[in-house]
Amino acid sequence: MADNNWQLQPGVQIAPEAAAEVAKIACALKSLSVYAGLVIEREDCPADLQKIVDDGVKAIGKIFVW
């Protein structure tokens, strides 16, 4: 079994295999959050991009401990 670099929030019940797949998505979303933060500083960036990314990171935060 591979080492996990993530931990579920207390009370979250999810199968280990599913949690591992969701963790991959969460990692990608966190990377997107960093990227979006850099892009937001540019004037030609869509105004709603940061809100969309922030909402996704908030949702993942309900599942995983960062």
C-alpha atoms as a PDB file:
ATOM      1  CA  MET A   1       0.000   0.000   0.000  1.00  0.00           C
ATOM      2  CA  ALA A   2       1.348   3.422  -0.979  1.00  0.00           C
ATOM      3  CA  ASP A   3       2.026   6.117   1.575  1.00  0.00           C
ATOM      4  CA  ASN A   4      -0.698   8.763   1.731  1.00  0.00           C
ATOM      5  CA  ASN A   5       0.221  12.418   1.839  1.00  0.00           C
ATOM      6  CA  TRP A   6      -3.311  13.300   2.873  1.00  0.00           C
ATOM      7  CA  GLN A   7      -5.619  12.782   5.811  1.00  0.00           C
ATOM      8  CA  LEU A   8      -9.414  12.748   5.897  1.00  0.00           C
ATOM      9  CA  GLN A   9     -11.264  15.251   8.031  1.00  0.00           C
ATOM     10  CA  PRO A  10     -12.680  13.760  11.249  1.00  0.00           C
ATOM     11  CA  GLY A  11     -16.009  12.073  10.571  1.00  0.00           C
ATOM     12  CA  VAL A  12     -15.499  11.686   6.814  1.00  0.00           C
ATOM     13  CA  GLN A  13     -16.302   8.138   5.724  1.00  0.00           C
ATOM     14  CA  ILE A  14     -14.968   7.172   2.288  1.00  0.00           C
ATOM     15  CA  ALA A  15     -13.464   3.971   0.913  1.00  0.00           C
ATOM     16  CA  PRO A  16      -9.650   4.114   0.833  1.00  0.00           C
ATOM     17  CA  GLU A  17      -9.556   3.525  -2.935  1.00  0.00           C
ATOM     18  CA  ALA A  18     -12.033   6.338  -3.575  1.00  0.00           C
ATOM     19  CA  ALA A  19     -10.225   8.637  -1.141  1.00  0.00           C
ATOM     20  CA  ALA A  20      -6.965   8.049  -3.005  1.00  0.00           C
ATOM     21  CA  GLU A  21      -8.604   9.030  -6.306  1.00  0.00           C
ATOM     22  CA  VAL A  22     -10.276  12.100  -4.782  1.00  0.00           C
ATOM     23  CA  ALA A  23      -6.920  13.061  -3.247  1.00  0.00           C
ATOM     24  CA  LYS A  24      -5.411  13.148  -6.761  1.00  0.00           C
ATOM     25  CA  ILE A  25      -8.138  15.576  -7.799  1.00  0.00           C
ATOM     26  CA  ALA A  26      -7.580  17.629  -4.649  1.00  0.00           C
ATOM     27  CA  CYS A  27      -3.857  17.867  -5.374  1.00  0.00           C
ATOM     28  CA  ALA A  28      -4.581  19.054  -8.905  1.00  0.00           C
ATOM     29  CA  LEU A  29      -7.071  21.591  -7.572  1.00  0.00           C
ATOM     30  CA  LYS A  30      -4.534  22.957  -5.096  1.00  0.00           C
ATOM     31  CA  SER A  31      -2.040  23.312  -7.946  1.00  0.00           C
ATOM     32  CA  LEU A  32      -4.690  25.108  -9.995  1.00  0.00           C
ATOM     33  CA  SER A  33      -5.318  27.392  -7.036  1.00  0.00           C
ATOM     34  CA  VAL A  34      -1.670  28.437  -6.966  1.00  0.00           C
ATOM     35  CA  TYR A  35      -1.671  28.934 -10.740  1.00  0.00           C
ATOM     36  CA  ALA A  36      -4.912  30.940 -10.630  1.00  0.00           C
ATOM     37  CA  GLY A  37      -3.465  33.112  -7.876  1.00  0.00           C
ATOM     38  CA  LEU A  38      -0.574  33.991 -10.138  1.00  0.00           C
ATOM     39  CA  VAL A  39      -2.793  34.560 -13.177  1.00  0.00           C
ATOM     40  CA  ILE A  40      -5.248  36.746 -11.239  1.00  0.00           C
ATOM     41  CA  GLU A  41      -2.501  39.322 -10.880  1.00  0.00           C
ATOM     42  CA  ARG A  42      -2.685  39.847 -14.665  1.00  0.00           C
ATOM     43  CA  GLU A  43      -5.266  42.330 -15.877  1.00  0.00           C
ATOM     44  CA  ASP A  44      -6.540  40.114 -18.699  1.00  0.00           C
ATOM     45  CA  CYS A  45      -7.600  37.282 -16.375  1.00  0.00           C
ATOM     46  CA  PRO A  46     -11.341  36.508 -16.052  1.00  0.00           C
ATOM     47  CA  ALA A  47     -12.654  37.977 -12.805  1.00  0.00           C
ATOM     48  CA  ASP A  48     -14.569  34.839 -11.822  1.00  0.00           C
ATOM     49  CA  LEU A  49     -11.598  32.437 -12.103  1.00  0.00           C
ATOM     50  CA  GLN A  50     -10.359  32.961  -8.542  1.00  0.00           C
ATOM     51  CA  LYS A  51     -13.856  32.488  -7.074  1.00  0.00           C
ATOM     52  CA  ILE A  52     -14.345  29.218  -8.952  1.00  0.00           C
ATOM     53  CA  VAL A  53     -10.988  27.891  -7.781  1.00  0.00           C
ATOM     54  CA  ASP A  54     -11.545  29.105  -4.209  1.00  0.00           C
ATOM     55  CA  ASP A  55     -14.944  27.377  -4.091  1.00  0.00           C
ATOM     56  CA  GLY A  56     -13.357  24.118  -5.250  1.00  0.00           C
ATOM     57  CA  VAL A  57     -10.569  24.329  -2.686  1.00  0.00           C
ATOM     58  CA  LYS A  58     -13.149  25.051   0.036  1.00  0.00           C
ATOM     59  CA  ALA A  59     -15.163  21.981  -0.996  1.00  0.00           C
ATOM     60  CA  ILE A  60     -12.082  19.742  -0.944  1.00  0.00           C
ATOM     61  CA  GLY A  61     -11.239  21.182   2.494  1.00  0.00           C
ATOM     62  CA  LYS A  62     -14.456  19.623   3.778  1.00  0.00           C
ATOM     63  CA  ILE A  63     -13.031  16.206   2.914  1.00  0.00           C
ATOM     64  CA  PHE A  64      -9.284  16.468   3.550  1.00  0.00           C
ATOM     65  CA  VAL A  65      -7.051  18.039   6.197  1.00  0.00           C
ATOM     66  CA  TRP A  66      -4.507  20.310   4.485  1.00  0.00           C
END
